[in-house]
Amino acid sequence: MKFNQFALAAAMLALATTAMAKTPIVNTSISEDEVLAAQKGWGDALVSISETHAKSGQPAAKALAEKVIDAAYGYNLGPVLFKPTLTEVPQTFRITREGALSYFVGGNGNFPKDTGFALKGWKKVEIQNAAIFLAGDVATSMGNVSFTDKDGKVTTVDKTWKFKKDDAGKLRIVVHHSSLPYVSK
């Protein structure tokens, strides 16, 4: 049997190509477009939770909020540094998934003052970034987010998000700070 170098090289190339196709590319740099898409997705999800609540009630909104939190936030990576707009001491910070879920949809006895921010009848979310800072597999954004409710009333908050690209290449919110703008008296 004669050795065929061409056939061997072709087989090795095919094997290498197959192996490369199955090898994930991890922790690549984050682009501005990815940040903008993640922010838009977050706003669209908040509106969807509100609409689900209006049509199908709190249990359905909670089920959707669980999916949204699992898809958007980095609780699978560790504690998320989440400071929602409308929380009170001693439960100001929501570093666990349970705390975030309670903030968005309420109904958790461990967080008795939560009424469900995502259940307030939001119809539109608009994001106006002051700036986005990109650094490898991390991006930070700061600006205003305006929420329009079912009556057309607009509430604007100051918001800072930090996103981390996980090993699957998905952006995860790992810092979320929100506050009402300061107004001098």
N, C-alpha and C. Protein backbone atom coordinates (compact mmCIF):
# COMPACT_ATOMS: atom_id res chain seq x y z
N MET A 1 0.85 -1.17 0.00
CA MET A 1 0.00 0.00 0.00
C MET A 1 0.90 1.23 0.00
N LYS A 2 0.63 2.11 -0.93
CA LYS A 2 1.45 3.29 -1.09
C LYS A 2 0.88 4.43 -0.24
N PHE A 3 1.74 5.18 0.44
CA PHE A 3 1.36 6.30 1.29
C PHE A 3 0.98 7.48 0.41
N ASN A 4 -0.20 8.05 0.62
CA ASN A 4 -0.66 9.18 -0.17
C ASN A 4 -0.64 10.44 0.71
N GLN A 5 0.39 11.26 0.53
CA GLN A 5 0.54 12.45 1.34
C GLN A 5 -0.60 13.44 1.12
N PHE A 6 -1.09 13.55 -0.10
CA PHE A 6 -2.18 14.47 -0.39
C PHE A 6 -3.45 14.07 0.36
N ALA A 7 -3.77 12.79 0.35
CA ALA A 7 -4.97 12.32 1.05
C ALA A 7 -4.84 12.53 2.55
N LEU A 8 -3.64 12.28 3.09
CA LEU A 8 -3.42 12.48 4.52
C LEU A 8 -3.56 13.95 4.88
N ALA A 9 -3.00 14.84 4.08
CA ALA A 9 -3.09 16.27 4.33
C ALA A 9 -4.54 16.74 4.26
N ALA A 10 -5.29 16.24 3.29
CA ALA A 10 -6.70 16.60 3.15
C ALA A 10 -7.50 16.13 4.36
N ALA A 11 -7.23 14.92 4.82
CA ALA A 11 -7.93 14.39 6.00
C ALA A 11 -7.60 15.21 7.24
N MET A 12 -6.33 15.58 7.40
CA MET A 12 -5.93 16.39 8.55
C MET A 12 -6.58 17.76 8.51
N LEU A 13 -6.66 18.36 7.32
CA LEU A 13 -7.31 19.66 7.17
C LEU A 13 -8.80 19.57 7.51
N ALA A 14 -9.46 18.53 7.04
CA ALA A 14 -10.88 18.34 7.34
C ALA A 14 -11.09 18.17 8.84
N LEU A 15 -10.23 17.40 9.49
CA LEU A 15 -10.32 17.18 10.93
C LEU A 15 -10.09 18.49 11.67
N ALA A 16 -9.10 19.26 11.28
CA ALA A 16 -8.80 20.53 11.92
C ALA A 16 -9.96 21.51 11.76
N THR A 17 -10.54 21.56 10.56
CA THR A 17 -11.67 22.46 10.31
C THR A 17 -12.85 22.08 11.18
N THR A 18 -13.13 20.79 11.30
CA THR A 18 -14.23 20.32 12.15
C THR A 18 -13.96 20.68 13.61
N ALA A 19 -12.75 20.49 14.07
CA ALA A 19 -12.40 20.81 15.45
C ALA A 19 -12.54 22.30 15.72
N MET A 20 -12.11 23.13 14.75
CA MET A 20 -12.21 24.58 14.94
C MET A 20 -13.66 25.03 14.98
N ALA A 21 -14.50 24.43 14.20
CA ALA A 21 -15.91 24.81 14.18
C ALA A 21 -16.58 24.52 15.51
N LYS A 22 -16.11 23.54 16.25
CA LYS A 22 -16.69 23.18 17.54
C LYS A 22 -16.04 23.92 18.70
N THR A 23 -14.97 24.63 18.45
CA THR A 23 -14.27 25.36 19.51
C THR A 23 -14.89 26.74 19.66
N PRO A 24 -15.45 27.03 20.83
CA PRO A 24 -16.06 28.35 21.01
C PRO A 24 -15.01 29.44 21.12
N ILE A 25 -15.36 30.59 20.66
CA ILE A 25 -14.52 31.76 20.84
C ILE A 25 -15.05 32.47 22.07
N VAL A 26 -14.20 32.65 23.07
CA VAL A 26 -14.66 33.20 24.34
C VAL A 26 -14.03 34.55 24.64
N ASN A 27 -14.78 35.33 25.40
CA ASN A 27 -14.30 36.60 25.94
C ASN A 27 -13.67 37.51 24.90
N THR A 28 -14.31 37.63 23.76
CA THR A 28 -13.83 38.58 22.77
C THR A 28 -14.31 39.97 23.16
N SER A 29 -13.76 40.96 22.56
CA SER A 29 -14.10 42.34 22.90
C SER A 29 -15.57 42.63 22.65
N ILE A 30 -16.10 43.51 23.46
CA ILE A 30 -17.49 43.95 23.34
C ILE A 30 -17.53 45.17 22.42
N SER A 31 -18.51 45.20 21.54
CA SER A 31 -18.68 46.35 20.66
C SER A 31 -19.78 47.26 21.20
N GLU A 32 -19.77 48.49 20.73
CA GLU A 32 -20.82 49.43 21.11
C GLU A 32 -22.19 48.90 20.66
N ASP A 33 -22.26 48.30 19.49
CA ASP A 33 -23.53 47.76 18.99
C ASP A 33 -24.07 46.68 19.93
N GLU A 34 -23.18 45.86 20.49
CA GLU A 34 -23.63 44.83 21.44
C GLU A 34 -24.22 45.46 22.69
N VAL A 35 -23.59 46.53 23.18
CA VAL A 35 -24.10 47.22 24.37
C VAL A 35 -25.47 47.82 24.07
N LEU A 36 -25.59 48.50 22.94
CA LEU A 36 -26.87 49.11 22.56
C LEU A 36 -27.96 48.05 22.42
N ALA A 37 -27.61 46.90 21.85
CA ALA A 37 -28.59 45.81 21.70
C ALA A 37 -28.99 45.25 23.07
N ALA A 38 -28.03 45.11 23.98
CA ALA A 38 -28.35 44.59 25.32
C ALA A 38 -29.25 45.57 26.07
N GLN A 39 -28.97 46.85 25.95
CA GLN A 39 -29.82 47.85 26.60
C GLN A 39 -31.23 47.84 26.02
N LYS A 40 -31.33 47.78 24.71
CA LYS A 40 -32.65 47.74 24.08
C LYS A 40 -33.40 46.48 24.50
N GLY A 41 -32.69 45.36 24.54
CA GLY A 41 -33.30 44.11 24.98
C GLY A 41 -33.83 44.20 26.40
N TRP A 42 -33.07 44.86 27.28
CA TRP A 42 -33.51 45.04 28.67
C TRP A 42 -34.80 45.86 28.71
N GLY A 43 -34.83 46.98 27.97
CA GLY A 43 -36.02 47.82 27.93
C GLY A 43 -37.22 47.11 27.35
N ASP A 44 -37.02 46.39 26.26
CA ASP A 44 -38.12 45.63 25.64
C ASP A 44 -38.64 44.56 26.59
N ALA A 45 -37.73 43.92 27.34
CA ALA A 45 -38.14 42.88 28.29
C ALA A 45 -38.97 43.48 29.41
N LEU A 46 -38.59 44.67 29.90
CA LEU A 46 -39.36 45.32 30.96
C LEU A 46 -40.79 45.61 30.49
N VAL A 47 -40.92 46.12 29.28
CA VAL A 47 -42.25 46.39 28.72
C VAL A 47 -43.02 45.07 28.58
N SER A 48 -42.37 44.03 28.13
CA SER A 48 -43.02 42.73 27.96
C SER A 48 -43.51 42.17 29.30
N ILE A 49 -42.73 42.33 30.35
CA ILE A 49 -43.16 41.88 31.68
C ILE A 49 -44.40 42.66 32.11
N SER A 50 -44.41 43.98 31.89
CA SER A 50 -45.57 44.80 32.23
C SER A 50 -46.82 44.37 31.46
N GLU A 51 -46.63 44.13 30.17
CA GLU A 51 -47.77 43.70 29.34
C GLU A 51 -48.27 42.32 29.75
N THR A 52 -47.35 41.43 30.08
CA THR A 52 -47.74 40.09 30.53
C THR A 52 -48.52 40.18 31.83
N HIS A 53 -48.10 41.06 32.72
CA HIS A 53 -48.82 41.26 33.99
C HIS A 53 -50.24 41.75 33.73
N ALA A 54 -50.38 42.73 32.82
CA ALA A 54 -51.70 43.29 32.53
C ALA A 54 -52.63 42.25 31.91
N LYS A 55 -52.09 41.38 31.07
CA LYS A 55 -52.92 40.40 30.36
C LYS A 55 -53.13 39.10 31.14
N SER A 56 -52.08 38.66 31.88
CA SER A 56 -52.13 37.31 32.46
C SER A 56 -51.85 37.24 33.95
N GLY A 57 -51.58 38.38 34.59
CA GLY A 57 -51.39 38.40 36.03
C GLY A 57 -49.95 38.25 36.49
N GLN A 58 -49.78 38.36 37.81
CA GLN A 58 -48.45 38.36 38.41
C GLN A 58 -47.70 37.05 38.24
N PRO A 59 -48.35 35.86 38.38
CA PRO A 59 -47.57 34.62 38.20
C PRO A 59 -46.94 34.50 36.80
N ALA A 60 -47.67 34.91 35.78
CA ALA A 60 -47.12 34.86 34.42
C ALA A 60 -46.00 35.89 34.26
N ALA A 61 -46.19 37.07 34.83
CA ALA A 61 -45.14 38.09 34.78
C ALA A 61 -43.90 37.62 35.52
N LYS A 62 -44.09 36.95 36.63
CA LYS A 62 -42.95 36.42 37.40
C LYS A 62 -42.19 35.38 36.59
N ALA A 63 -42.91 34.49 35.93
CA ALA A 63 -42.26 33.45 35.11
C ALA A 63 -41.42 34.08 34.00
N LEU A 64 -41.96 35.11 33.36
CA LEU A 64 -41.21 35.81 32.32
C LEU A 64 -40.02 36.55 32.92
N ALA A 65 -40.22 37.21 34.05
CA ALA A 65 -39.12 37.94 34.70
C ALA A 65 -37.97 37.00 35.07
N GLU A 66 -38.29 35.80 35.49
CA GLU A 66 -37.24 34.83 35.81
C GLU A 66 -36.39 34.54 34.57
N LYS A 67 -37.05 34.36 33.44
CA LYS A 67 -36.32 34.10 32.19
C LYS A 67 -35.47 35.30 31.79
N VAL A 68 -36.03 36.49 31.95
CA VAL A 68 -35.31 37.71 31.59
C VAL A 68 -34.07 37.88 32.48
N ILE A 69 -34.23 37.70 33.77
CA ILE A 69 -33.10 37.85 34.70
C ILE A 69 -32.03 36.82 34.36
N ASP A 70 -32.43 35.59 34.11
CA ASP A 70 -31.44 34.54 33.78
C ASP A 70 -30.72 34.83 32.47
N ALA A 71 -31.39 35.48 31.53
CA ALA A 71 -30.77 35.78 30.24
C ALA A 71 -29.93 37.05 30.26
N ALA A 72 -30.33 38.04 31.05
CA ALA A 72 -29.69 39.35 30.98
C ALA A 72 -28.64 39.62 32.06
N TYR A 73 -28.83 39.06 33.21
CA TYR A 73 -27.96 39.37 34.35
C TYR A 73 -26.92 38.28 34.55
N GLY A 74 -25.85 38.62 35.24
CA GLY A 74 -24.75 37.69 35.46
C GLY A 74 -24.78 36.99 36.81
N TYR A 75 -25.96 36.70 37.33
CA TYR A 75 -26.02 35.98 38.62
C TYR A 75 -25.38 34.60 38.53
N ASN A 76 -25.27 34.06 37.33
CA ASN A 76 -24.57 32.78 37.14
C ASN A 76 -23.05 32.94 37.26
N LEU A 77 -22.56 34.18 37.24
CA LEU A 77 -21.13 34.46 37.35
C LEU A 77 -20.72 34.80 38.79
N GLY A 78 -21.71 35.18 39.61
CA GLY A 78 -21.45 35.61 40.99
C GLY A 78 -22.46 36.68 41.37
N PRO A 79 -22.19 37.39 42.46
CA PRO A 79 -23.14 38.45 42.86
C PRO A 79 -23.16 39.56 41.81
N VAL A 80 -24.36 40.06 41.55
CA VAL A 80 -24.52 41.21 40.66
C VAL A 80 -24.67 42.44 41.55
N LEU A 81 -23.98 43.49 41.22
CA LEU A 81 -24.03 44.72 42.01
C LEU A 81 -25.21 45.55 41.49
N PHE A 82 -26.40 45.24 42.01
CA PHE A 82 -27.66 45.82 41.54
C PHE A 82 -28.23 46.71 42.63
N LYS A 83 -28.32 48.01 42.31
CA LYS A 83 -28.95 48.98 43.19
C LYS A 83 -30.12 49.58 42.42
N PRO A 84 -31.32 49.01 42.63
CA PRO A 84 -32.50 49.53 41.93
C PRO A 84 -32.87 50.95 42.39
N THR A 85 -33.72 51.58 41.63
CA THR A 85 -34.14 52.95 41.92
C THR A 85 -34.95 53.04 43.20
N LEU A 86 -35.95 52.21 43.33
CA LEU A 86 -36.94 52.36 44.40
C LEU A 86 -36.83 51.25 45.45
N THR A 87 -35.75 51.22 46.17
CA THR A 87 -35.60 50.27 47.27
C THR A 87 -35.28 51.03 48.55
N GLU A 88 -35.55 50.39 49.67
CA GLU A 88 -35.34 51.02 50.96
C GLU A 88 -34.36 50.23 51.81
N VAL A 89 -33.66 50.95 52.67
CA VAL A 89 -32.78 50.32 53.65
C VAL A 89 -33.64 49.41 54.52
N PRO A 90 -33.27 48.23 54.86
CA PRO A 90 -31.94 47.63 54.69
C PRO A 90 -31.82 46.79 53.42
N GLN A 91 -32.77 46.87 52.52
CA GLN A 91 -32.75 46.01 51.33
C GLN A 91 -32.48 46.81 50.06
N THR A 92 -31.58 47.75 50.15
CA THR A 92 -31.27 48.63 49.03
C THR A 92 -30.61 47.88 47.88
N PHE A 93 -29.67 47.00 48.21
CA PHE A 93 -28.88 46.33 47.19
C PHE A 93 -29.40 44.93 46.94
N ARG A 94 -29.42 44.52 45.66
CA ARG A 94 -29.98 43.22 45.26
C ARG A 94 -28.90 42.39 44.59
N ILE A 95 -28.01 41.83 45.38
CA ILE A 95 -26.88 41.08 44.84
C ILE A 95 -27.22 39.65 44.49
N THR A 96 -28.46 39.21 44.81
CA THR A 96 -28.89 37.85 44.48
C THR A 96 -30.01 37.88 43.45
N ARG A 97 -30.16 36.78 42.75
CA ARG A 97 -31.25 36.63 41.78
C ARG A 97 -32.60 36.80 42.46
N GLU A 98 -32.75 36.22 43.66
CA GLU A 98 -34.01 36.32 44.42
C GLU A 98 -34.37 37.78 44.67
N GLY A 99 -33.38 38.58 45.07
CA GLY A 99 -33.64 39.99 45.33
C GLY A 99 -34.01 40.76 44.08
N ALA A 100 -33.35 40.46 42.98
CA ALA A 100 -33.68 41.12 41.71
C ALA A 100 -35.09 40.76 41.26
N LEU A 101 -35.42 39.48 41.34
CA LEU A 101 -36.75 39.04 40.93
C LEU A 101 -37.82 39.72 41.77
N SER A 102 -37.61 39.81 43.07
CA SER A 102 -38.57 40.47 43.93
C SER A 102 -38.74 41.94 43.56
N TYR A 103 -37.64 42.61 43.27
CA TYR A 103 -37.73 44.01 42.88
C TYR A 103 -38.60 44.17 41.63
N PHE A 104 -38.39 43.31 40.65
CA PHE A 104 -39.13 43.44 39.40
C PHE A 104 -40.59 43.04 39.50
N VAL A 105 -40.93 42.01 40.29
CA VAL A 105 -42.32 41.53 40.28
C VAL A 105 -42.96 41.41 41.66
N GLY A 106 -42.23 41.72 42.72
CA GLY A 106 -42.81 41.66 44.07
C GLY A 106 -43.20 40.25 44.48
N GLY A 107 -44.04 40.16 45.52
CA GLY A 107 -44.58 38.88 45.94
C GLY A 107 -43.62 38.00 46.72
N ASN A 108 -42.56 38.56 47.29
CA ASN A 108 -41.59 37.77 48.04
C ASN A 108 -41.57 38.28 49.48
N GLY A 109 -41.94 37.43 50.43
CA GLY A 109 -41.98 37.81 51.83
C GLY A 109 -40.65 38.24 52.40
N ASN A 110 -39.56 37.83 51.76
CA ASN A 110 -38.23 38.26 52.21
C ASN A 110 -37.95 39.72 51.85
N PHE A 111 -38.74 40.26 50.94
CA PHE A 111 -38.61 41.65 50.50
C PHE A 111 -40.00 42.29 50.56
N PRO A 112 -40.53 42.51 51.76
CA PRO A 112 -41.94 42.89 51.92
C PRO A 112 -42.34 44.23 51.31
N LYS A 113 -41.41 45.13 51.07
CA LYS A 113 -41.77 46.44 50.53
C LYS A 113 -41.77 46.48 49.00
N ASP A 114 -41.37 45.39 48.37
CA ASP A 114 -41.34 45.36 46.90
C ASP A 114 -42.75 45.22 46.34
N THR A 115 -43.10 46.13 45.44
CA THR A 115 -44.40 46.08 44.78
C THR A 115 -44.31 45.67 43.32
N GLY A 116 -43.10 45.54 42.81
CA GLY A 116 -42.92 45.09 41.43
C GLY A 116 -42.73 46.24 40.46
N PHE A 117 -41.49 46.69 40.30
CA PHE A 117 -41.21 47.79 39.38
C PHE A 117 -41.65 47.45 37.96
N ALA A 118 -41.48 46.22 37.54
CA ALA A 118 -41.83 45.84 36.17
C ALA A 118 -43.33 45.71 35.96
N LEU A 119 -44.12 45.81 37.02
CA LEU A 119 -45.57 45.64 36.92
C LEU A 119 -46.30 46.97 36.84
N LYS A 120 -45.61 48.04 36.65
CA LYS A 120 -46.21 49.38 36.72
C LYS A 120 -46.82 49.86 35.41
N GLY A 121 -47.05 48.97 34.47
CA GLY A 121 -47.73 49.34 33.24
C GLY A 121 -46.85 50.08 32.24
N TRP A 122 -45.56 49.75 32.21
CA TRP A 122 -44.66 50.42 31.28
C TRP A 122 -45.01 50.07 29.84
N LYS A 123 -45.02 51.08 28.99
CA LYS A 123 -45.33 50.91 27.57
C LYS A 123 -44.14 51.18 26.66
N LYS A 124 -43.16 51.92 27.18
CA LYS A 124 -42.01 52.28 26.35
C LYS A 124 -40.81 52.58 27.25
N VAL A 125 -39.63 52.18 26.79
CA VAL A 125 -38.38 52.47 27.49
C VAL A 125 -37.42 53.07 26.46
N GLU A 126 -36.86 54.23 26.80
CA GLU A 126 -35.89 54.88 25.93
C GLU A 126 -34.60 55.11 26.70
N ILE A 127 -33.49 54.81 26.06
CA ILE A 127 -32.18 54.93 26.70
C ILE A 127 -31.37 55.98 25.99
N GLN A 128 -30.84 56.93 26.76
CA GLN A 128 -29.98 57.98 26.22
C GLN A 128 -28.65 57.88 26.97
N ASN A 129 -27.65 57.31 26.33
CA ASN A 129 -26.34 57.16 26.95
C ASN A 129 -25.59 58.48 26.94
N ALA A 130 -24.99 58.82 28.08
CA ALA A 130 -24.05 59.94 28.12
C ALA A 130 -22.73 59.46 27.51
N ALA A 131 -22.36 58.21 27.82
CA ALA A 131 -21.15 57.62 27.26
C ALA A 131 -21.16 56.12 27.50
N ILE A 132 -20.38 55.43 26.69
CA ILE A 132 -20.13 53.99 26.84
C ILE A 132 -18.62 53.82 26.85
N PHE A 133 -18.13 53.09 27.84
CA PHE A 133 -16.70 52.80 27.97
C PHE A 133 -16.48 51.33 27.69
N LEU A 134 -15.69 51.03 26.66
CA LEU A 134 -15.42 49.65 26.26
C LEU A 134 -14.00 49.27 26.67
N ALA A 135 -13.86 48.10 27.32
CA ALA A 135 -12.54 47.64 27.75
C ALA A 135 -12.50 46.12 27.68
N GLY A 136 -12.14 45.59 26.51
CA GLY A 136 -12.05 44.14 26.35
C GLY A 136 -13.39 43.47 26.49
N ASP A 137 -13.51 42.55 27.48
CA ASP A 137 -14.76 41.81 27.64
C ASP A 137 -15.68 42.46 28.67
N VAL A 138 -15.46 43.77 28.94
CA VAL A 138 -16.29 44.53 29.87
C VAL A 138 -16.66 45.85 29.21
N ALA A 139 -17.89 46.29 29.43
CA ALA A 139 -18.34 47.60 28.95
C ALA A 139 -19.18 48.25 30.04
N THR A 140 -19.03 49.56 30.17
CA THR A 140 -19.80 50.33 31.15
C THR A 140 -20.53 51.43 30.40
N SER A 141 -21.80 51.61 30.74
CA SER A 141 -22.57 52.70 30.15
C SER A 141 -23.20 53.52 31.27
N MET A 142 -23.39 54.82 30.98
CA MET A 142 -24.02 55.71 31.93
C MET A 142 -24.88 56.69 31.15
N GLY A 143 -26.06 56.95 31.68
CA GLY A 143 -26.95 57.89 31.02
C GLY A 143 -28.30 57.89 31.68
N ASN A 144 -29.31 58.24 30.89
CA ASN A 144 -30.68 58.30 31.39
C ASN A 144 -31.53 57.23 30.72
N VAL A 145 -32.46 56.70 31.50
CA VAL A 145 -33.46 55.79 30.96
C VAL A 145 -34.82 56.39 31.29
N SER A 146 -35.65 56.55 30.27
CA SER A 146 -37.00 57.11 30.43
C SER A 146 -38.02 56.02 30.22
N PHE A 147 -38.93 55.92 31.19
CA PHE A 147 -40.00 54.92 31.17
C PHE A 147 -41.32 55.64 30.97
N THR A 148 -42.09 55.21 29.98
CA THR A 148 -43.41 55.78 29.74
C THR A 148 -44.46 54.77 30.19
N ASP A 149 -45.38 55.23 31.06
CA ASP A 149 -46.40 54.32 31.57
C ASP A 149 -47.66 54.35 30.70
N LYS A 150 -48.65 53.58 31.08
CA LYS A 150 -49.88 53.42 30.28
C LYS A 150 -50.65 54.73 30.13
N ASP A 151 -50.42 55.70 31.03
CA ASP A 151 -51.10 56.99 30.95
C ASP A 151 -50.27 58.05 30.22
N GLY A 152 -49.10 57.64 29.72
CA GLY A 152 -48.23 58.57 29.00
C GLY A 152 -47.27 59.35 29.89
N LYS A 153 -47.30 59.09 31.19
CA LYS A 153 -46.39 59.77 32.12
C LYS A 153 -44.99 59.18 31.95
N VAL A 154 -43.99 60.07 31.89
CA VAL A 154 -42.61 59.65 31.70
C VAL A 154 -41.84 59.84 33.01
N THR A 155 -41.13 58.79 33.41
CA THR A 155 -40.24 58.84 34.56
C THR A 155 -38.84 58.59 34.04
N THR A 156 -37.91 59.48 34.38
CA THR A 156 -36.53 59.34 33.92
C THR A 156 -35.63 59.09 35.12
N VAL A 157 -34.74 58.12 34.95
CA VAL A 157 -33.76 57.79 36.00
C VAL A 157 -32.35 57.88 35.43
N ASP A 158 -31.39 58.09 36.33
CA ASP A 158 -29.98 58.00 35.97
C ASP A 158 -29.59 56.54 36.11
N LYS A 159 -28.88 56.00 35.12
CA LYS A 159 -28.56 54.57 35.16
C LYS A 159 -27.14 54.32 34.71
N THR A 160 -26.48 53.43 35.46
CA THR A 160 -25.16 52.92 35.08
C THR A 160 -25.26 51.41 34.98
N TRP A 161 -24.79 50.88 33.85
CA TRP A 161 -24.73 49.42 33.67
C TRP A 161 -23.29 49.04 33.38
N LYS A 162 -22.88 47.90 33.90
CA LYS A 162 -21.62 47.29 33.47
C LYS A 162 -21.99 45.93 32.93
N PHE A 163 -21.49 45.64 31.74
CA PHE A 163 -21.73 44.36 31.07
C PHE A 163 -20.42 43.60 31.02
N LYS A 164 -20.51 42.29 31.20
CA LYS A 164 -19.35 41.40 31.03
C LYS A 164 -19.74 40.36 30.01
N LYS A 165 -18.84 40.09 29.08
CA LYS A 165 -19.09 39.04 28.10
C LYS A 165 -18.71 37.72 28.74
N ASP A 166 -19.66 36.78 28.79
CA ASP A 166 -19.37 35.49 29.42
C ASP A 166 -18.66 34.56 28.43
N ASP A 167 -18.34 33.37 28.88
CA ASP A 167 -17.58 32.43 28.05
C ASP A 167 -18.36 31.94 26.83
N ALA A 168 -19.67 32.15 26.81
CA ALA A 168 -20.47 31.80 25.65
C ALA A 168 -20.58 32.97 24.67
N GLY A 169 -19.97 34.11 25.03
CA GLY A 169 -20.02 35.28 24.16
C GLY A 169 -21.23 36.15 24.37
N LYS A 170 -21.98 35.94 25.46
CA LYS A 170 -23.21 36.69 25.75
C LYS A 170 -22.93 37.78 26.77
N LEU A 171 -23.47 38.98 26.52
CA LEU A 171 -23.32 40.06 27.49
C LEU A 171 -24.21 39.79 28.70
N ARG A 172 -23.64 40.01 29.87
CA ARG A 172 -24.36 39.85 31.14
C ARG A 172 -24.22 41.13 31.95
N ILE A 173 -25.31 41.59 32.53
CA ILE A 173 -25.26 42.75 33.41
C ILE A 173 -24.66 42.30 34.73
N VAL A 174 -23.55 42.93 35.13
CA VAL A 174 -22.92 42.59 36.41
C VAL A 174 -22.95 43.77 37.38
N VAL A 175 -23.22 44.97 36.88
CA VAL A 175 -23.47 46.15 37.70
C VAL A 175 -24.68 46.86 37.11
N HIS A 176 -25.62 47.22 37.98
CA HIS A 176 -26.83 47.94 37.55
C HIS A 176 -27.16 48.91 38.68
N HIS A 177 -26.88 50.18 38.45
CA HIS A 177 -27.16 51.20 39.45
C HIS A 177 -28.15 52.19 38.86
N SER A 178 -29.21 52.44 39.59
CA SER A 178 -30.25 53.33 39.11
C SER A 178 -30.68 54.26 40.23
N SER A 179 -30.88 55.53 39.90
CA SER A 179 -31.33 56.49 40.90
C SER A 179 -32.13 57.59 40.23
N LEU A 180 -32.96 58.25 41.02
CA LEU A 180 -33.69 59.39 40.50
C LEU A 180 -32.73 60.57 40.41
N PRO A 181 -32.86 61.40 39.36
CA PRO A 181 -31.97 62.55 39.22
C PRO A 181 -32.12 63.52 40.40
N TYR A 182 -31.01 64.11 40.79
CA TYR A 182 -31.01 65.10 41.86
C TYR A 182 -31.67 66.38 41.35
N VAL A 183 -32.57 66.92 42.14
CA VAL A 183 -33.21 68.19 41.83
C VAL A 183 -33.01 69.11 43.02
N SER A 184 -32.36 70.26 42.80
CA SER A 184 -32.13 71.18 43.92
C SER A 184 -33.45 71.83 44.32
N LYS A 185 -33.51 72.22 45.58
CA LYS A 185 -34.76 72.80 46.10
C LYS A 185 -34.74 74.30 46.07
